[in-house]
Amino acid sequence: MLFILYLFLDYLKDIFSILILLSCVGCASIIVEDFLLQGLKPGPNDLLRKEYKFPFFGAANVASIIGTGIGLVVAISWYFTHNWILNNVLGIMLSITFLKTLRLTTMMPGLLLLGLLFFYDIFWVFISPMFTSGGQSVMVVVATGLDIPIKLVMPYLMHDVPV
C-alpha cells in the first residue's frame, strides 16, 4: 500500500484523504457510542438505546447516531481548517479504535507486530532510496505528501527571532 501511494501519490491523494476521513467518522462513532453506553449505563428502555431504521444503512441506536454526528462535525471541521488539535483528536481516535479492534491478549503478538513494524520502517525509510528514482525515501515522500490525520502534529511554538 505504501509503495502504491508513493507511485501514484498525486492521483490518490484526494481519494485517500476522503477514505481516511470516513474512517475517522467511524472511529468517532464507535468511541462516542461506547462512552455513552458504557459510561452512562443507560437502562434497556432509555433513549440512547432506542433504534431507528435507515434505508440502505440498517438499524442504528441513538448513541451511534450521536457518535456519527460528532465524528462528522470533527472530520468536516478538520477538512476545512486543518487545525492541528482536530488532527490529533482524529489521529488518537483512529489509534484507540485500532487497539480496541486488535485486542492483544498476550505480549507475544504485540512484540512480534512491533518487531515487524520496526523492520518495515527501516526498509521504507533507509533502504528504499537505493531503488527509487532520485534516491527519495518512500516513507518520507508519502508522509510529507499527505496531509491527513494519521500522524500526530505539533505546531511551531516559537517565532524566528533575529539574532
C-alpha atoms as a PDB file:
ATOM      1  CA  MET A   1       0.000   0.000   0.000  1.00  0.00           C
ATOM      2  CA  LEU A   2       2.785   2.424   0.899  1.00  0.00           C
ATOM      3  CA  PHE A   3       4.590   1.795  -2.389  1.00  0.00           C
ATOM      4  CA  ILE A   4       1.356   2.272  -4.375  1.00  0.00           C
ATOM      5  CA  LEU A   5       0.822   5.586  -2.584  1.00  0.00           C
ATOM      6  CA  TYR A   6       4.392   6.549  -3.446  1.00  0.00           C
ATOM      7  CA  LEU A   7       3.915   5.743  -7.132  1.00  0.00           C
ATOM      8  CA  PHE A   8       0.507   7.367  -7.539  1.00  0.00           C
ATOM      9  CA  LEU A   9       0.587   9.996  -4.781  1.00  0.00           C
ATOM     10  CA  ASP A  10      -0.657  12.844  -6.966  1.00  0.00           C
ATOM     11  CA  TYR A  11      -3.626  10.809  -8.212  1.00  0.00           C
ATOM     12  CA  LEU A  12      -4.600   9.087  -4.972  1.00  0.00           C
ATOM     13  CA  LYS A  13      -4.103  11.955  -2.517  1.00  0.00           C
ATOM     14  CA  ASP A  14      -7.728  13.175  -2.534  1.00  0.00           C
ATOM     15  CA  ILE A  15      -9.261   9.697  -2.600  1.00  0.00           C
ATOM     16  CA  PHE A  16      -7.051   8.515   0.262  1.00  0.00           C
ATOM     17  CA  SER A  17      -7.879  11.651   2.281  1.00  0.00           C
ATOM     18  CA  ILE A  18     -11.610  11.022   1.915  1.00  0.00           C
ATOM     19  CA  LEU A  19     -11.220   7.353   2.887  1.00  0.00           C
ATOM     20  CA  ILE A  20      -9.222   8.288   5.993  1.00  0.00           C
ATOM     21  CA  LEU A  21     -11.816  10.909   6.960  1.00  0.00           C
ATOM     22  CA  LEU A  22     -14.606   8.341   6.599  1.00  0.00           C
ATOM     23  CA  SER A  23     -12.585   6.017   8.824  1.00  0.00           C
ATOM     24  CA  CYS A  24     -12.225   8.828  11.349  1.00  0.00           C
ATOM     25  CA  VAL A  25     -16.008   9.336  11.362  1.00  0.00           C
ATOM     26  CA  GLY A  26     -16.486   5.617  12.025  1.00  0.00           C
ATOM     27  CA  CYS A  27     -13.887   5.652  14.802  1.00  0.00           C
ATOM     28  CA  ALA A  28     -15.510   8.656  16.453  1.00  0.00           C
ATOM     29  CA  SER A  29     -18.879   6.937  16.226  1.00  0.00           C
ATOM     30  CA  ILE A  30     -17.522   3.793  17.902  1.00  0.00           C
ATOM     31  CA  ILE A  31     -15.742   5.689  20.689  1.00  0.00           C
ATOM     32  CA  VAL A  32     -18.640   8.056  21.492  1.00  0.00           C
ATOM     33  CA  GLU A  33     -21.169   5.209  21.366  1.00  0.00           C
ATOM     34  CA  ASP A  34     -19.043   3.144  23.764  1.00  0.00           C
ATOM     35  CA  PHE A  35     -18.633   6.136  26.073  1.00  0.00           C
ATOM     36  CA  LEU A  36     -22.376   6.847  26.106  1.00  0.00           C
ATOM     37  CA  LEU A  37     -23.476   3.234  26.549  1.00  0.00           C
ATOM     38  CA  GLN A  38     -20.774   2.087  28.981  1.00  0.00           C
ATOM     39  CA  GLY A  39     -20.036   5.356  30.758  1.00  0.00           C
ATOM     40  CA  LEU A  40     -23.609   6.494  31.330  1.00  0.00           C
ATOM     41  CA  LYS A  41     -25.006   2.944  31.677  1.00  0.00           C
ATOM     42  CA  PRO A  42     -28.498   3.605  30.318  1.00  0.00           C
ATOM     43  CA  GLY A  43     -31.264   1.133  31.036  1.00  0.00           C
ATOM     44  CA  PRO A  44     -32.758  -1.118  28.359  1.00  0.00           C
ATOM     45  CA  ASN A  45     -35.585   1.337  27.603  1.00  0.00           C
ATOM     46  CA  ASP A  46     -33.565   4.593  27.711  1.00  0.00           C
ATOM     47  CA  LEU A  47     -33.396   6.988  24.777  1.00  0.00           C
ATOM     48  CA  LEU A  48     -29.758   6.140  23.985  1.00  0.00           C
ATOM     49  CA  ARG A  49     -30.680   2.507  23.243  1.00  0.00           C
ATOM     50  CA  LYS A  50     -33.708   3.320  21.058  1.00  0.00           C
ATOM     51  CA  GLU A  51     -33.139   2.074  17.500  1.00  0.00           C
ATOM     52  CA  TYR A  52     -34.146   3.683  14.224  1.00  0.00           C
ATOM     53  CA  LYS A  53     -34.125   2.010  10.833  1.00  0.00           C
ATOM     54  CA  PHE A  54     -32.494   3.794   7.903  1.00  0.00           C
ATOM     55  CA  PRO A  55     -32.800   2.743   4.284  1.00  0.00           C
ATOM     56  CA  PHE A  56     -29.533   1.342   2.865  1.00  0.00           C
ATOM     57  CA  PHE A  57     -27.831   1.567   6.301  1.00  0.00           C
ATOM     58  CA  GLY A  58     -29.969  -0.611   8.564  1.00  0.00           C
ATOM     59  CA  ALA A  59     -30.745  -0.049  12.228  1.00  0.00           C
ATOM     60  CA  ALA A  60     -28.812   2.323  14.473  1.00  0.00           C
ATOM     61  CA  ASN A  61     -29.349   3.353  18.070  1.00  0.00           C
ATOM     62  CA  VAL A  62     -29.380   6.973  19.245  1.00  0.00           C
ATOM     63  CA  ALA A  63     -25.901   6.681  20.803  1.00  0.00           C
ATOM     64  CA  SER A  64     -24.494   5.595  17.440  1.00  0.00           C
ATOM     65  CA  ILE A  65     -26.258   8.455  15.658  1.00  0.00           C
ATOM     66  CA  ILE A  66     -24.825  10.958  18.156  1.00  0.00           C
ATOM     67  CA  GLY A  67     -21.341   9.466  17.711  1.00  0.00           C
ATOM     68  CA  THR A  68     -21.604   9.632  13.936  1.00  0.00           C
ATOM     69  CA  GLY A  69     -22.775  13.244  14.139  1.00  0.00           C
ATOM     70  CA  ILE A  70     -19.849  14.195  16.372  1.00  0.00           C
ATOM     71  CA  GLY A  71     -17.456  12.342  14.059  1.00  0.00           C
ATOM     72  CA  LEU A  72     -18.839  14.157  11.018  1.00  0.00           C
ATOM     73  CA  VAL A  73     -18.530  17.545  12.705  1.00  0.00           C
ATOM     74  CA  VAL A  74     -14.924  16.925  13.793  1.00  0.00           C
ATOM     75  CA  ALA A  75     -13.861  15.428  10.430  1.00  0.00           C
ATOM     76  CA  ILE A  76     -15.501  18.160   8.337  1.00  0.00           C
ATOM     77  CA  SER A  77     -14.094  20.837  10.643  1.00  0.00           C
ATOM     78  CA  TRP A  78     -10.615  19.358  10.226  1.00  0.00           C
ATOM     79  CA  TYR A  79     -11.030  19.119   6.442  1.00  0.00           C
ATOM     80  CA  PHE A  80     -11.791  22.839   6.100  1.00  0.00           C
ATOM     81  CA  THR A  81      -9.429  24.189   8.795  1.00  0.00           C
ATOM     82  CA  HIS A  82      -6.611  21.600   9.037  1.00  0.00           C
ATOM     83  CA  ASN A  83      -6.380  22.555  12.711  1.00  0.00           C
ATOM     84  CA  TRP A  84      -3.640  20.618  14.485  1.00  0.00           C
ATOM     85  CA  ILE A  85      -5.813  19.918  17.550  1.00  0.00           C
ATOM     86  CA  LEU A  86      -8.572  18.373  15.426  1.00  0.00           C
ATOM     87  CA  ASN A  87      -5.894  16.440  13.512  1.00  0.00           C
ATOM     88  CA  ASN A  88      -4.578  14.986  16.760  1.00  0.00           C
ATOM     89  CA  VAL A  89      -8.080  14.182  18.059  1.00  0.00           C
ATOM     90  CA  LEU A  90      -8.854  12.243  14.875  1.00  0.00           C
ATOM     91  CA  GLY A  91      -5.457  10.503  14.944  1.00  0.00           C
ATOM     92  CA  ILE A  92      -5.919   9.440  18.564  1.00  0.00           C
ATOM     93  CA  MET A  93      -9.427   8.154  17.800  1.00  0.00           C
ATOM     94  CA  LEU A  94      -8.018   6.069  14.943  1.00  0.00           C
ATOM     95  CA  SER A  95      -5.342   4.674  17.271  1.00  0.00           C
ATOM     96  CA  ILE A  96      -7.780   3.844  20.064  1.00  0.00           C
ATOM     97  CA  THR A  97     -10.157   2.100  17.670  1.00  0.00           C
ATOM     98  CA  PHE A  98      -7.272   0.114  16.144  1.00  0.00           C
ATOM     99  CA  LEU A  99      -6.109  -1.007  19.597  1.00  0.00           C
ATOM    100  CA  LYS A 100      -9.672  -1.843  20.605  1.00  0.00           C
ATOM    101  CA  THR A 101     -10.162  -3.902  17.443  1.00  0.00           C
ATOM    102  CA  LEU A 102      -6.814  -5.708  17.646  1.00  0.00           C
ATOM    103  CA  ARG A 103      -7.301  -6.946  21.245  1.00  0.00           C
ATOM    104  CA  LEU A 104      -3.869  -8.262  22.083  1.00  0.00           C
ATOM    105  CA  THR A 105      -4.409 -10.778  24.887  1.00  0.00           C
ATOM    106  CA  THR A 106      -0.756 -11.746  25.392  1.00  0.00           C
ATOM    107  CA  MET A 107       2.574  -9.993  24.981  1.00  0.00           C
ATOM    108  CA  MET A 108       3.927 -12.186  22.160  1.00  0.00           C
ATOM    109  CA  PRO A 109       1.693 -10.998  19.267  1.00  0.00           C
ATOM    110  CA  GLY A 110       2.331  -7.393  20.264  1.00  0.00           C
ATOM    111  CA  LEU A 111       6.093  -7.898  20.370  1.00  0.00           C
ATOM    112  CA  LEU A 112       6.009  -9.692  17.028  1.00  0.00           C
ATOM    113  CA  LEU A 113       3.936  -6.909  15.472  1.00  0.00           C
ATOM    114  CA  LEU A 114       6.232  -4.183  16.830  1.00  0.00           C
ATOM    115  CA  GLY A 115       9.331  -6.059  15.658  1.00  0.00           C
ATOM    116  CA  LEU A 116       7.941  -6.483  12.146  1.00  0.00           C
ATOM    117  CA  LEU A 117       6.903  -2.814  12.024  1.00  0.00           C
ATOM    118  CA  PHE A 118      10.416  -1.838  13.134  1.00  0.00           C
ATOM    119  CA  PHE A 119      11.988  -3.622  10.156  1.00  0.00           C
ATOM    120  CA  TYR A 120       9.209  -2.372   7.848  1.00  0.00           C
ATOM    121  CA  ASP A 121      10.050   1.216   8.798  1.00  0.00           C
ATOM    122  CA  ILE A 122      13.803   0.644   8.416  1.00  0.00           C
ATOM    123  CA  PHE A 123      13.244  -0.753   4.924  1.00  0.00           C
ATOM    124  CA  TRP A 124      10.970   2.037   3.676  1.00  0.00           C
ATOM    125  CA  VAL A 125      12.983   4.886   5.244  1.00  0.00           C
ATOM    126  CA  PHE A 126      16.613   3.800   4.773  1.00  0.00           C
ATOM    127  CA  ILE A 127      16.720   1.059   2.111  1.00  0.00           C
ATOM    128  CA  SER A 128      14.061   2.283  -0.338  1.00  0.00           C
ATOM    129  CA  PRO A 129      16.209   5.264  -1.508  1.00  0.00           C
ATOM    130  CA  MET A 130      18.560   2.699  -3.084  1.00  0.00           C
ATOM    131  CA  PHE A 131      15.966   1.662  -5.677  1.00  0.00           C
ATOM    132  CA  THR A 132      13.820   4.791  -6.194  1.00  0.00           C
ATOM    133  CA  SER A 133      14.466   7.495  -8.729  1.00  0.00           C
ATOM    134  CA  GLY A 134      16.254  10.446  -7.210  1.00  0.00           C
ATOM    135  CA  GLY A 135      17.170   8.469  -4.101  1.00  0.00           C
ATOM    136  CA  GLN A 136      13.991   9.501  -2.294  1.00  0.00           C
ATOM    137  CA  SER A 137      12.768   7.636   0.763  1.00  0.00           C
ATOM    138  CA  VAL A 138       9.318   6.185   0.076  1.00  0.00           C
ATOM    139  CA  MET A 139       8.198   6.765   3.672  1.00  0.00           C
ATOM    140  CA  VAL A 140       9.351  10.394   3.747  1.00  0.00           C
ATOM    141  CA  VAL A 141       7.733  11.240   0.383  1.00  0.00           C
ATOM    142  CA  VAL A 142       4.385   9.728   1.389  1.00  0.00           C
ATOM    143  CA  ALA A 143       4.423  11.153   4.949  1.00  0.00           C
ATOM    144  CA  THR A 144       5.222  14.675   3.766  1.00  0.00           C
ATOM    145  CA  GLY A 145       2.979  14.467   0.695  1.00  0.00           C
ATOM    146  CA  LEU A 146      -0.204  13.526   2.542  1.00  0.00           C
ATOM    147  CA  ASP A 147      -1.928  15.936   4.860  1.00  0.00           C
ATOM    148  CA  ILE A 148      -4.277  13.549   6.642  1.00  0.00           C
ATOM    149  CA  PRO A 149      -4.967  12.859  10.319  1.00  0.00           C
ATOM    150  CA  ILE A 150      -2.919   9.664  10.636  1.00  0.00           C
ATOM    151  CA  LYS A 151       0.053  11.370  12.240  1.00  0.00           C
ATOM    152  CA  LEU A 152       0.129  13.497  15.357  1.00  0.00           C
ATOM    153  CA  VAL A 153       1.352  17.030  14.706  1.00  0.00           C
ATOM    154  CA  MET A 154       2.627  19.841  16.876  1.00  0.00           C
ATOM    155  CA  PRO A 155       2.672  23.473  15.761  1.00  0.00           C
ATOM    156  CA  TYR A 156       5.755  25.652  15.879  1.00  0.00           C
ATOM    157  CA  LEU A 157       5.603  27.340  19.262  1.00  0.00           C
ATOM    158  CA  MET A 158       8.391  29.849  18.736  1.00  0.00           C
ATOM    159  CA  HIS A 159       8.726  32.501  16.088  1.00  0.00           C
ATOM    160  CA  ASP A 160      12.015  33.121  14.375  1.00  0.00           C
ATOM    161  CA  VAL A 161      13.851  35.741  16.389  1.00  0.00           C
ATOM    162  CA  PRO A 162      16.512  37.743  14.549  1.00  0.00           C
ATOM    163  CA  VAL A 163      19.928  37.389  16.092  1.00  0.00           C
END
